[in-house]
Amino acid sequence: MIAPVLRSEIGGVLASEGGSILLVFVVGLTASLVIVGLYALGIRLFAVGAPDDDVVDGEDPEGPTATVAARERARPVAATAAGVACFVAFAAAVLYGIYLVIPLFH
């Protein structure tokens, strides 16, 4: 006969706290949103002052008749510095996540 599975006093064989699961979910979701947000903001800041597409009304902006206008002004230094800061923070967050996952680095 198969021996019965011994249950722990906490609540079961695979018992876990709901609070711990919720904490992992919230931290993972927050970290994902922050990392993606930093990357998107960095790209947006590097696009400040980029030339627009000149297209005749009703035409495809990526079609054969589209032309790119000349850059009207240079990208501001503040936008460039903020974009670089966003990418540095993004890279630091990713590297810290890798550090936490790989035990060899501890």
C-alpha atoms as a PDB file:
ATOM      1  CA  MET A   1       0.000   0.000   0.000  1.00  0.00           C
ATOM      2  CA  ILE A   2       1.174   3.551  -0.718  1.00  0.00           C
ATOM      3  CA  ALA A   3       2.113   5.551   2.338  1.00  0.00           C
ATOM      4  CA  PRO A   4       0.022   8.684   2.873  1.00  0.00           C
ATOM      5  CA  VAL A   5       1.689  11.989   2.136  1.00  0.00           C
ATOM      6  CA  LEU A   6       2.688  13.742   5.324  1.00  0.00           C
ATOM      7  CA  ARG A   7       1.223  17.201   5.567  1.00  0.00           C
ATOM      8  CA  SER A   8       3.086  20.058   7.157  1.00  0.00           C
ATOM      9  CA  GLU A   9       1.605  22.070   9.977  1.00  0.00           C
ATOM     10  CA  ILE A  10       1.456  25.178   7.810  1.00  0.00           C
ATOM     11  CA  GLY A  11      -1.277  23.966   5.542  1.00  0.00           C
ATOM     12  CA  GLY A  12      -0.350  21.380   2.981  1.00  0.00           C
ATOM     13  CA  VAL A  13       2.200  19.744   0.771  1.00  0.00           C
ATOM     14  CA  LEU A  14       2.654  22.678  -1.567  1.00  0.00           C
ATOM     15  CA  ALA A  15       1.365  25.410   0.702  1.00  0.00           C
ATOM     16  CA  SER A  16       2.447  28.964   0.074  1.00  0.00           C
ATOM     17  CA  GLU A  17       1.464  32.323   1.382  1.00  0.00           C
ATOM     18  CA  GLY A  18      -0.820  34.324  -0.855  1.00  0.00           C
ATOM     19  CA  GLY A  19       0.916  37.498   0.249  1.00  0.00           C
ATOM     20  CA  SER A  20       4.258  36.261  -1.033  1.00  0.00           C
ATOM     21  CA  ILE A  21       2.791  35.425  -4.425  1.00  0.00           C
ATOM     22  CA  LEU A  22       1.144  38.846  -4.585  1.00  0.00           C
ATOM     23  CA  LEU A  23       4.410  40.540  -3.607  1.00  0.00           C
ATOM     24  CA  VAL A  24       6.352  38.748  -6.349  1.00  0.00           C
ATOM     25  CA  PHE A  25       3.653  39.654  -8.884  1.00  0.00           C
ATOM     26  CA  VAL A  26       3.603  43.345  -7.893  1.00  0.00           C
ATOM     27  CA  VAL A  27       7.396  43.676  -7.835  1.00  0.00           C
ATOM     28  CA  GLY A  28       7.738  41.914 -11.204  1.00  0.00           C
ATOM     29  CA  LEU A  29       5.017  44.039 -12.797  1.00  0.00           C
ATOM     30  CA  THR A  30       6.473  47.258 -11.406  1.00  0.00           C
ATOM     31  CA  ALA A  31      10.003  46.388 -12.516  1.00  0.00           C
ATOM     32  CA  SER A  32       8.757  45.512 -15.998  1.00  0.00           C
ATOM     33  CA  LEU A  33       6.862  48.780 -16.329  1.00  0.00           C
ATOM     34  CA  VAL A  34       9.813  50.834 -15.091  1.00  0.00           C
ATOM     35  CA  ILE A  35      12.306  49.123 -17.412  1.00  0.00           C
ATOM     36  CA  VAL A  36      10.083  49.383 -20.489  1.00  0.00           C
ATOM     37  CA  GLY A  37       9.176  52.967 -19.577  1.00  0.00           C
ATOM     38  CA  LEU A  38      12.824  54.011 -19.285  1.00  0.00           C
ATOM     39  CA  TYR A  39      13.629  52.469 -22.660  1.00  0.00           C
ATOM     40  CA  ALA A  40      10.633  54.098 -24.378  1.00  0.00           C
ATOM     41  CA  LEU A  41      11.344  57.486 -22.803  1.00  0.00           C
ATOM     42  CA  GLY A  42      14.991  57.276 -23.864  1.00  0.00           C
ATOM     43  CA  ILE A  43      13.977  56.608 -27.460  1.00  0.00           C
ATOM     44  CA  ARG A  44      11.425  59.430 -27.356  1.00  0.00           C
ATOM     45  CA  LEU A  45      13.993  61.898 -26.007  1.00  0.00           C
ATOM     46  CA  PHE A  46      16.449  60.983 -28.768  1.00  0.00           C
ATOM     47  CA  ALA A  47      13.701  61.651 -31.328  1.00  0.00           C
ATOM     48  CA  VAL A  48      13.241  65.281 -30.235  1.00  0.00           C
ATOM     49  CA  GLY A  49      13.975  67.542 -33.179  1.00  0.00           C
ATOM     50  CA  ALA A  50      13.956  64.686 -35.701  1.00  0.00           C
ATOM     51  CA  PRO A  51      12.756  65.548 -39.188  1.00  0.00           C
ATOM     52  CA  ASP A  52       9.180  64.861 -40.198  1.00  0.00           C
ATOM     53  CA  ASP A  53       8.026  63.019 -43.280  1.00  0.00           C
ATOM     54  CA  ASP A  54       6.726  65.268 -46.081  1.00  0.00           C
ATOM     55  CA  VAL A  55       3.741  63.532 -47.601  1.00  0.00           C
ATOM     56  CA  VAL A  56       0.957  64.745 -49.831  1.00  0.00           C
ATOM     57  CA  ASP A  57      -2.394  64.517 -48.043  1.00  0.00           C
ATOM     58  CA  GLY A  58      -3.883  61.052 -48.418  1.00  0.00           C
ATOM     59  CA  GLU A  59      -0.612  59.367 -49.401  1.00  0.00           C
ATOM     60  CA  ASP A  60       1.185  56.612 -47.524  1.00  0.00           C
ATOM     61  CA  PRO A  61       3.870  58.103 -45.200  1.00  0.00           C
ATOM     62  CA  GLU A  62       6.097  55.119 -45.976  1.00  0.00           C
ATOM     63  CA  GLY A  63       5.257  54.978 -49.670  1.00  0.00           C
ATOM     64  CA  PRO A  64       7.481  55.768 -52.661  1.00  0.00           C
ATOM     65  CA  THR A  65       6.406  59.426 -52.833  1.00  0.00           C
ATOM     66  CA  ALA A  66       7.338  60.235 -49.221  1.00  0.00           C
ATOM     67  CA  THR A  67      10.367  62.411 -48.616  1.00  0.00           C
ATOM     68  CA  VAL A  68      12.099  63.231 -45.364  1.00  0.00           C
ATOM     69  CA  ALA A  69      12.316  66.926 -44.568  1.00  0.00           C
ATOM     70  CA  ALA A  70      15.610  68.417 -43.520  1.00  0.00           C
ATOM     71  CA  ARG A  71      16.220  68.629 -39.790  1.00  0.00           C
ATOM     72  CA  GLU A  72      14.927  72.016 -38.725  1.00  0.00           C
ATOM     73  CA  ARG A  73      16.891  72.272 -35.502  1.00  0.00           C
ATOM     74  CA  ALA A  74      19.434  70.281 -33.564  1.00  0.00           C
ATOM     75  CA  ARG A  75      18.340  68.052 -30.710  1.00  0.00           C
ATOM     76  CA  PRO A  76      18.584  70.015 -27.453  1.00  0.00           C
ATOM     77  CA  VAL A  77      21.447  69.083 -25.152  1.00  0.00           C
ATOM     78  CA  ALA A  78      18.993  68.535 -22.282  1.00  0.00           C
ATOM     79  CA  ALA A  79      17.031  65.987 -24.328  1.00  0.00           C
ATOM     80  CA  THR A  80      20.230  64.180 -25.279  1.00  0.00           C
ATOM     81  CA  ALA A  81      21.444  64.107 -21.659  1.00  0.00           C
ATOM     82  CA  ALA A  82      18.053  62.892 -20.403  1.00  0.00           C
ATOM     83  CA  GLY A  83      17.956  60.195 -23.105  1.00  0.00           C
ATOM     84  CA  VAL A  84      21.394  58.971 -22.131  1.00  0.00           C
ATOM     85  CA  ALA A  85      20.365  58.983 -18.448  1.00  0.00           C
ATOM     86  CA  CYS A  86      17.285  56.894 -19.291  1.00  0.00           C
ATOM     87  CA  PHE A  87      19.373  54.335 -21.168  1.00  0.00           C
ATOM     88  CA  VAL A  88      21.947  54.187 -18.348  1.00  0.00           C
ATOM     89  CA  ALA A  89      19.180  53.603 -15.779  1.00  0.00           C
ATOM     90  CA  PHE A  90      17.614  50.996 -18.083  1.00  0.00           C
ATOM     91  CA  ALA A  91      20.929  49.161 -18.459  1.00  0.00           C
ATOM     92  CA  ALA A  92      21.591  49.346 -14.707  1.00  0.00           C
ATOM     93  CA  ALA A  93      18.165  47.849 -13.931  1.00  0.00           C
ATOM     94  CA  VAL A  94      18.701  45.013 -16.404  1.00  0.00           C
ATOM     95  CA  LEU A  95      22.190  44.264 -15.098  1.00  0.00           C
ATOM     96  CA  TYR A  96      20.946  44.326 -11.491  1.00  0.00           C
ATOM     97  CA  GLY A  97      18.213  41.850 -12.436  1.00  0.00           C
ATOM     98  CA  ILE A  98      20.789  39.561 -14.014  1.00  0.00           C
ATOM     99  CA  TYR A  99      22.932  39.910 -10.884  1.00  0.00           C
ATOM    100  CA  LEU A 100      19.988  38.841  -8.704  1.00  0.00           C
ATOM    101  CA  VAL A 101      19.155  35.818 -10.849  1.00  0.00           C
ATOM    102  CA  ILE A 102      22.652  34.352 -11.283  1.00  0.00           C
ATOM    103  CA  PRO A 103      24.035  33.029  -7.972  1.00  0.00           C
ATOM    104  CA  LEU A 104      27.599  32.969  -9.288  1.00  0.00           C
ATOM    105  CA  PHE A 105      27.736  36.772  -8.999  1.00  0.00           C
ATOM    106  CA  HIS A 106      26.828  36.834  -5.263  1.00  0.00           C
END
